[in-house]
C-alpha cells in the first residue's frame, strides 16, 4: 500500500474530465475514473454522488458569482457584452482545470 496522497477530490475531477474527453461521458464509468485517479470507487462516492456531479462541482457558487459580475460590469457595456464577459470570467475561474478539454471538444460556431 502506497503512501496517502492529498487532494483526492481534485484528482478524481481531473481523471473524470480526461476520460470524458477521451472516450465520451456515456462510455466512462466510475471505476475507470477512480482507477485513473489512483483511488477506489468507494473514495469516488465519498466525494461525488455520481459521475454527473463531477461536471458541476462547485456550481453552488455560480449564482453569487453571476450577480457580482453583473453588478460590477462597466455601465458602458451593453447587455450582450456583459453576458459575454461574464461567461469568459466564469469559464476562466470556475472551469479552470477543465478548459483544455472543453476547448478541444467544443463545436466551432
Protein backbone atom coordinates (compact mmCIF):
# COMPACT_ATOMS: atom_id res chain seq x y z
CA UNK A 1 0.00 0.00 0.00
CA UNK A 2 1.47 3.33 -1.07
CA UNK A 3 1.63 6.48 0.98
CA UNK A 4 -1.59 8.51 1.13
CA UNK A 5 -1.65 11.31 -1.45
CA UNK A 6 -3.61 14.53 -0.85
CA UNK A 7 -6.34 16.13 -2.98
CA UNK A 8 -8.41 13.06 -3.79
CA UNK A 9 -11.34 15.21 -4.97
CA UNK A 10 -9.17 17.19 -7.39
CA UNK A 11 -7.54 14.03 -8.73
CA UNK A 12 -10.97 12.49 -9.31
CA UNK A 13 -12.18 15.61 -11.13
CA UNK A 14 -9.09 15.66 -13.38
CA UNK A 15 -9.35 11.95 -14.13
CA UNK A 16 -13.05 12.21 -14.95
CA UNK A 17 -12.66 15.18 -17.30
CA UNK A 18 -9.74 13.49 -19.08
CA UNK A 19 -11.75 10.29 -19.56
CA UNK A 20 -14.85 12.19 -20.69
CA UNK A 21 -12.72 13.94 -23.33
CA UNK A 22 -11.04 10.70 -24.44
CA UNK A 23 -13.96 8.32 -24.63
CA UNK A 24 -17.13 10.33 -24.01
CA UNK A 25 -19.30 10.79 -20.96
CA UNK A 26 -21.56 7.78 -21.54
CA UNK A 27 -18.68 5.35 -22.06
CA UNK A 28 -16.84 6.45 -18.91
CA UNK A 29 -17.52 4.52 -15.71
CA UNK A 30 -16.93 5.44 -12.09
CA UNK A 31 -14.47 2.55 -11.63
CA UNK A 32 -12.44 3.89 -14.59
CA UNK A 33 -12.38 7.36 -13.07
CA UNK A 34 -11.29 6.03 -9.69
CA UNK A 35 -8.58 3.84 -11.25
CA UNK A 36 -7.21 6.74 -13.33
CA UNK A 37 -7.01 8.85 -10.15
CA UNK A 38 -5.31 6.02 -8.25
CA UNK A 39 -8.23 5.72 -5.84
CA UNK A 40 -11.05 3.31 -5.07
CA UNK A 41 -14.65 3.50 -6.25
CA UNK A 42 -15.64 3.91 -2.62
CA UNK A 43 -13.47 7.04 -2.39
CA UNK A 44 -15.18 8.40 -5.50
CA UNK A 45 -18.57 8.07 -3.79
CA UNK A 46 -17.28 9.85 -0.68
CA UNK A 47 -16.80 12.94 -2.84
CA UNK A 48 -19.50 12.65 -5.54
CA UNK A 49 -22.96 11.12 -5.75
CA UNK A 50 -22.41 10.11 -9.40
CA UNK A 51 -20.26 10.96 -12.43
CA UNK A 52 -22.57 13.80 -13.49
CA UNK A 53 -21.76 15.62 -10.27
CA UNK A 54 -18.09 15.81 -11.28
CA UNK A 55 -19.01 18.12 -14.15
CA UNK A 56 -20.90 20.50 -11.89
CA UNK A 57 -18.63 20.51 -8.84
CA UNK A 58 -18.66 23.99 -7.33
CA UNK A 59 -21.79 25.13 -9.17
CA UNK A 60 -23.41 26.24 -5.90
CA UNK A 61 -21.18 29.32 -6.11
CA UNK A 62 -22.30 30.31 -9.62
CA UNK A 63 -25.39 32.41 -8.72
CA UNK A 64 -23.38 34.68 -6.41
CA UNK A 65 -20.56 34.96 -8.97
CA UNK A 66 -23.00 35.87 -11.77
CA UNK A 67 -24.70 38.50 -9.59
CA UNK A 68 -21.32 40.04 -8.71
CA UNK A 69 -20.20 40.09 -12.36
CA UNK A 70 -23.40 41.84 -13.47
CA UNK A 71 -23.21 44.36 -10.62
CA UNK A 72 -19.52 45.11 -11.30
CA UNK A 73 -19.86 45.39 -15.09
CA UNK A 74 -18.97 48.78 -16.56
CA UNK A 75 -22.06 50.86 -17.32
CA UNK A 76 -20.83 51.42 -20.88
CA UNK A 77 -21.14 47.72 -21.75
CA UNK A 78 -24.32 46.62 -23.44
CA UNK A 79 -26.22 43.55 -22.19
CA UNK A 80 -24.62 41.12 -24.68
CA UNK A 81 -21.10 42.27 -23.79
CA UNK A 82 -21.87 41.90 -20.08
CA UNK A 83 -23.03 38.33 -20.75
CA UNK A 84 -20.00 37.53 -22.91
CA UNK A 85 -17.60 38.98 -20.35
CA UNK A 86 -19.40 37.07 -17.58
CA UNK A 87 -19.19 33.77 -19.43
CA UNK A 88 -15.48 34.26 -20.11
CA UNK A 89 -14.85 35.08 -16.45
CA UNK A 90 -16.85 32.09 -15.22
CA UNK A 91 -15.06 29.78 -17.64
CA UNK A 92 -11.67 31.08 -16.54
CA UNK A 93 -12.39 30.84 -12.82
CA UNK A 94 -14.91 28.05 -12.32
CA UNK A 95 -13.84 25.61 -15.01
CA UNK A 96 -10.13 26.43 -14.89
CA UNK A 97 -8.77 22.87 -14.95
CA UNK A 98 -11.38 21.68 -17.41
CA UNK A 99 -10.89 24.31 -20.12
CA UNK A 100 -8.33 22.43 -22.24
CA UNK A 101 -10.75 19.51 -22.54
CA UNK A 102 -13.77 21.74 -23.19
CA UNK A 103 -11.95 23.77 -25.82
CA UNK A 104 -10.79 20.65 -27.62
CA UNK A 105 -14.30 19.20 -27.91
CA UNK A 106 -16.32 22.41 -28.34
CA UNK A 107 -18.00 22.76 -31.75
CA UNK A 108 -16.91 25.64 -33.96
CA UNK A 109 -19.68 28.21 -34.39
